[in-house]
């Protein structure tokens, strides 16, 4: 026979187990997924330090916007530039933007950016102090948006 106390204890245990599963499931599901945006952030800073330019700080709120733009490009299967970080309310006096896609990895994309005069100029511009990076991998293609800002 169940007493009110037994029912309360059983309900509390079930609720606690449900909460633990709900909180840990996303982390477990994403554990094997590469974080392409972080990888590109580090590759960008590596390119800068290799060329004697100071490292950039990560602009997290803008990175969400960069990710959203990358997802839109992936969905539409085409590259295009935005109106820049200011379109998202960022306080930038100067800005640059790199967009691209690859069927390879982050290092392939960083090499391609560095081989392009316009993209390279953004990466190595010593006037920039912040960067926002967003990435989306869809159907084997890695789409990225990188906002540079000062």
C-alpha atoms as a PDB file:
ATOM      1  CA  UNK A   1       0.000   0.000   0.000  1.00  0.00           C
ATOM      2  CA  UNK A   2       1.322   3.432  -0.934  1.00  0.00           C
ATOM      3  CA  UNK A   3       1.328   6.116   1.635  1.00  0.00           C
ATOM      4  CA  UNK A   4       1.384   9.831   0.773  1.00  0.00           C
ATOM      5  CA  UNK A   5       5.022   9.931   1.917  1.00  0.00           C
ATOM      6  CA  UNK A   6       6.013   7.007  -0.362  1.00  0.00           C
ATOM      7  CA  UNK A   7       4.286   8.656  -3.319  1.00  0.00           C
ATOM      8  CA  UNK A   8       6.050  11.965  -2.571  1.00  0.00           C
ATOM      9  CA  UNK A   9       9.475  10.283  -2.312  1.00  0.00           C
ATOM     10  CA  UNK A  10       8.883   8.276  -5.511  1.00  0.00           C
ATOM     11  CA  UNK A  11       7.718  11.418  -7.380  1.00  0.00           C
ATOM     12  CA  UNK A  12      10.720  13.385  -6.142  1.00  0.00           C
ATOM     13  CA  UNK A  13      13.133  10.655  -7.279  1.00  0.00           C
ATOM     14  CA  UNK A  14      11.488  10.447 -10.733  1.00  0.00           C
ATOM     15  CA  UNK A  15      11.604  14.250 -11.073  1.00  0.00           C
ATOM     16  CA  UNK A  16      15.280  14.308 -10.049  1.00  0.00           C
ATOM     17  CA  UNK A  17      16.187  11.572 -12.552  1.00  0.00           C
ATOM     18  CA  UNK A  18      14.259  13.369 -15.305  1.00  0.00           C
ATOM     19  CA  UNK A  19      16.085  16.630 -14.531  1.00  0.00           C
ATOM     20  CA  UNK A  20      19.496  14.941 -14.609  1.00  0.00           C
ATOM     21  CA  UNK A  21      18.735  13.259 -17.952  1.00  0.00           C
ATOM     22  CA  UNK A  22      17.401  16.504 -19.443  1.00  0.00           C
ATOM     23  CA  UNK A  23      20.423  18.496 -18.309  1.00  0.00           C
ATOM     24  CA  UNK A  24      23.062  15.990 -19.379  1.00  0.00           C
ATOM     25  CA  UNK A  25      21.559  14.704 -22.638  1.00  0.00           C
ATOM     26  CA  UNK A  26      22.476  17.732 -24.818  1.00  0.00           C
ATOM     27  CA  UNK A  27      26.062  17.747 -23.546  1.00  0.00           C
ATOM     28  CA  UNK A  28      26.396  14.039 -24.213  1.00  0.00           C
ATOM     29  CA  UNK A  29      24.869  14.342 -27.669  1.00  0.00           C
ATOM     30  CA  UNK A  30      27.278  17.172 -28.585  1.00  0.00           C
ATOM     31  CA  UNK A  31      30.386  15.666 -27.026  1.00  0.00           C
ATOM     32  CA  UNK A  32      31.575  14.151 -30.319  1.00  0.00           C
ATOM     33  CA  UNK A  33      30.622  17.158 -32.465  1.00  0.00           C
ATOM     34  CA  UNK A  34      33.562  19.407 -33.366  1.00  0.00           C
ATOM     35  CA  UNK A  35      33.152  23.045 -32.435  1.00  0.00           C
ATOM     36  CA  UNK A  36      34.125  24.518 -35.773  1.00  0.00           C
ATOM     37  CA  UNK A  37      33.654  28.128 -34.651  1.00  0.00           C
ATOM     38  CA  UNK A  38      36.144  27.687 -31.786  1.00  0.00           C
ATOM     39  CA  UNK A  39      38.568  25.931 -34.126  1.00  0.00           C
ATOM     40  CA  UNK A  40      38.370  28.789 -36.635  1.00  0.00           C
ATOM     41  CA  UNK A  41      38.711  31.367 -33.846  1.00  0.00           C
ATOM     42  CA  UNK A  42      41.956  29.687 -32.769  1.00  0.00           C
ATOM     43  CA  UNK A  43      43.168  29.268 -36.380  1.00  0.00           C
ATOM     44  CA  UNK A  44      42.540  32.969 -37.012  1.00  0.00           C
ATOM     45  CA  UNK A  45      44.517  33.945 -33.920  1.00  0.00           C
ATOM     46  CA  UNK A  46      47.278  31.518 -34.884  1.00  0.00           C
ATOM     47  CA  UNK A  47      47.546  33.198 -38.292  1.00  0.00           C
ATOM     48  CA  UNK A  48      47.731  36.592 -36.597  1.00  0.00           C
ATOM     49  CA  UNK A  49      50.416  35.609 -34.076  1.00  0.00           C
ATOM     50  CA  UNK A  50      52.449  33.878 -36.800  1.00  0.00           C
ATOM     51  CA  UNK A  51      52.514  37.238 -38.617  1.00  0.00           C
ATOM     52  CA  UNK A  52      53.284  39.289 -35.503  1.00  0.00           C
ATOM     53  CA  UNK A  53      49.771  40.639 -34.973  1.00  0.00           C
ATOM     54  CA  UNK A  54      48.062  40.635 -31.560  1.00  0.00           C
ATOM     55  CA  UNK A  55      45.390  38.069 -30.779  1.00  0.00           C
ATOM     56  CA  UNK A  56      41.701  38.946 -31.068  1.00  0.00           C
ATOM     57  CA  UNK A  57      39.131  38.662 -28.298  1.00  0.00           C
ATOM     58  CA  UNK A  58      36.017  36.634 -29.034  1.00  0.00           C
ATOM     59  CA  UNK A  59      32.792  38.616 -29.361  1.00  0.00           C
ATOM     60  CA  UNK A  60      30.271  36.079 -28.114  1.00  0.00           C
ATOM     61  CA  UNK A  61      26.983  37.870 -28.815  1.00  0.00           C
ATOM     62  CA  UNK A  62      28.123  38.715 -32.319  1.00  0.00           C
ATOM     63  CA  UNK A  63      29.252  35.085 -32.731  1.00  0.00           C
ATOM     64  CA  UNK A  64      25.628  34.021 -32.308  1.00  0.00           C
ATOM     65  CA  UNK A  65      24.722  36.329 -35.202  1.00  0.00           C
ATOM     66  CA  UNK A  66      27.626  34.969 -37.258  1.00  0.00           C
ATOM     67  CA  UNK A  67      26.397  31.408 -36.615  1.00  0.00           C
ATOM     68  CA  UNK A  68      22.875  32.373 -37.658  1.00  0.00           C
ATOM     69  CA  UNK A  69      24.232  33.870 -40.892  1.00  0.00           C
ATOM     70  CA  UNK A  70      26.270  30.711 -41.569  1.00  0.00           C
ATOM     71  CA  UNK A  71      23.153  28.602 -41.035  1.00  0.00           C
ATOM     72  CA  UNK A  72      21.181  30.808 -43.469  1.00  0.00           C
ATOM     73  CA  UNK A  73      23.908  30.475 -46.108  1.00  0.00           C
ATOM     74  CA  UNK A  74      23.976  26.693 -45.614  1.00  0.00           C
ATOM     75  CA  UNK A  75      20.198  26.495 -45.904  1.00  0.00           C
ATOM     76  CA  UNK A  76      20.214  28.604 -49.104  1.00  0.00           C
ATOM     77  CA  UNK A  77      23.368  26.875 -50.413  1.00  0.00           C
ATOM     78  CA  UNK A  78      25.020  30.170 -51.374  1.00  0.00           C
ATOM     79  CA  UNK A  79      27.496  32.676 -49.950  1.00  0.00           C
ATOM     80  CA  UNK A  80      26.669  36.294 -49.309  1.00  0.00           C
ATOM     81  CA  UNK A  81      27.897  39.098 -47.087  1.00  0.00           C
ATOM     82  CA  UNK A  82      25.844  40.880 -44.469  1.00  0.00           C
ATOM     83  CA  UNK A  83      25.702  44.595 -43.796  1.00  0.00           C
ATOM     84  CA  UNK A  84      28.291  43.912 -41.117  1.00  0.00           C
ATOM     85  CA  UNK A  85      28.290  43.581 -37.352  1.00  0.00           C
ATOM     86  CA  UNK A  86      26.503  46.913 -36.909  1.00  0.00           C
ATOM     87  CA  UNK A  87      23.438  45.325 -38.501  1.00  0.00           C
ATOM     88  CA  UNK A  88      23.268  43.261 -35.283  1.00  0.00           C
ATOM     89  CA  UNK A  89      23.690  46.158 -32.890  1.00  0.00           C
ATOM     90  CA  UNK A  90      27.430  45.727 -32.334  1.00  0.00           C
ATOM     91  CA  UNK A  91      29.386  48.825 -31.406  1.00  0.00           C
ATOM     92  CA  UNK A  92      32.051  48.761 -34.127  1.00  0.00           C
ATOM     93  CA  UNK A  93      33.932  51.756 -35.482  1.00  0.00           C
ATOM     94  CA  UNK A  94      35.469  49.655 -38.244  1.00  0.00           C
ATOM     95  CA  UNK A  95      34.658  46.143 -39.358  1.00  0.00           C
ATOM     96  CA  UNK A  96      35.464  43.444 -41.856  1.00  0.00           C
ATOM     97  CA  UNK A  97      33.789  40.214 -42.789  1.00  0.00           C
ATOM     98  CA  UNK A  98      34.928  36.891 -44.211  1.00  0.00           C
ATOM     99  CA  UNK A  99      32.441  34.299 -45.409  1.00  0.00           C
ATOM    100  CA  UNK A 100      33.265  30.966 -46.951  1.00  0.00           C
ATOM    101  CA  UNK A 101      32.588  27.277 -47.200  1.00  0.00           C
ATOM    102  CA  UNK A 102      34.641  24.130 -47.602  1.00  0.00           C
ATOM    103  CA  UNK A 103      34.154  20.410 -47.869  1.00  0.00           C
ATOM    104  CA  UNK A 104      37.425  20.106 -45.951  1.00  0.00           C
ATOM    105  CA  UNK A 105      38.140  21.222 -42.435  1.00  0.00           C
ATOM    106  CA  UNK A 106      38.834  24.453 -40.609  1.00  0.00           C
ATOM    107  CA  UNK A 107      42.522  24.440 -41.531  1.00  0.00           C
ATOM    108  CA  UNK A 108      41.628  24.183 -45.232  1.00  0.00           C
ATOM    109  CA  UNK A 109      39.330  27.165 -44.893  1.00  0.00           C
ATOM    110  CA  UNK A 110      41.905  29.216 -42.973  1.00  0.00           C
ATOM    111  CA  UNK A 111      44.507  28.461 -45.685  1.00  0.00           C
ATOM    112  CA  UNK A 112      42.049  29.580 -48.368  1.00  0.00           C
ATOM    113  CA  UNK A 113      41.307  32.795 -46.458  1.00  0.00           C
ATOM    114  CA  UNK A 114      45.024  33.487 -46.064  1.00  0.00           C
ATOM    115  CA  UNK A 115      45.574  32.877 -49.799  1.00  0.00           C
ATOM    116  CA  UNK A 116      42.969  35.539 -50.686  1.00  0.00           C
ATOM    117  CA  UNK A 117      44.228  39.131 -50.431  1.00  0.00           C
ATOM    118  CA  UNK A 118      40.898  40.534 -49.180  1.00  0.00           C
ATOM    119  CA  UNK A 119      40.295  37.804 -46.595  1.00  0.00           C
ATOM    120  CA  UNK A 120      43.928  37.887 -45.460  1.00  0.00           C
ATOM    121  CA  UNK A 121      43.774  41.668 -44.972  1.00  0.00           C
ATOM    122  CA  UNK A 122      40.888  41.225 -42.528  1.00  0.00           C
ATOM    123  CA  UNK A 123      42.645  38.452 -40.630  1.00  0.00           C
ATOM    124  CA  UNK A 124      45.903  40.395 -40.280  1.00  0.00           C
ATOM    125  CA  UNK A 125      44.468  43.904 -39.723  1.00  0.00           C
ATOM    126  CA  UNK A 126      46.104  45.115 -36.496  1.00  0.00           C
ATOM    127  CA  UNK A 127      43.289  47.625 -36.020  1.00  0.00           C
ATOM    128  CA  UNK A 128      40.786  44.927 -35.186  1.00  0.00           C
ATOM    129  CA  UNK A 129      40.523  43.807 -31.574  1.00  0.00           C
ATOM    130  CA  UNK A 130      37.436  41.556 -31.604  1.00  0.00           C
ATOM    131  CA  UNK A 131      36.231  38.711 -33.751  1.00  0.00           C
ATOM    132  CA  UNK A 132      32.944  36.846 -34.002  1.00  0.00           C
ATOM    133  CA  UNK A 133      32.922  33.427 -35.609  1.00  0.00           C
ATOM    134  CA  UNK A 134      29.937  31.345 -36.592  1.00  0.00           C
ATOM    135  CA  UNK A 135      29.893  27.999 -38.350  1.00  0.00           C
ATOM    136  CA  UNK A 136      27.384  25.492 -39.653  1.00  0.00           C
ATOM    137  CA  UNK A 137      28.122  22.098 -41.172  1.00  0.00           C
ATOM    138  CA  UNK A 138      25.395  20.864 -43.499  1.00  0.00           C
ATOM    139  CA  UNK A 139      25.565  18.029 -46.032  1.00  0.00           C
ATOM    140  CA  UNK A 140      29.338  17.761 -45.727  1.00  0.00           C
ATOM    141  CA  UNK A 141      29.989  21.481 -46.253  1.00  0.00           C
ATOM    142  CA  UNK A 142      31.313  23.748 -43.511  1.00  0.00           C
ATOM    143  CA  UNK A 143      29.892  27.277 -43.856  1.00  0.00           C
ATOM    144  CA  UNK A 144      31.463  30.108 -41.854  1.00  0.00           C
ATOM    145  CA  UNK A 145      30.983  33.780 -41.136  1.00  0.00           C
ATOM    146  CA  UNK A 146      33.719  35.794 -39.447  1.00  0.00           C
ATOM    147  CA  UNK A 147      33.118  39.378 -38.274  1.00  0.00           C
ATOM    148  CA  UNK A 148      36.156  41.497 -37.384  1.00  0.00           C
ATOM    149  CA  UNK A 149      35.541  44.582 -35.319  1.00  0.00           C
ATOM    150  CA  UNK A 150      37.169  47.466 -33.530  1.00  0.00           C
END
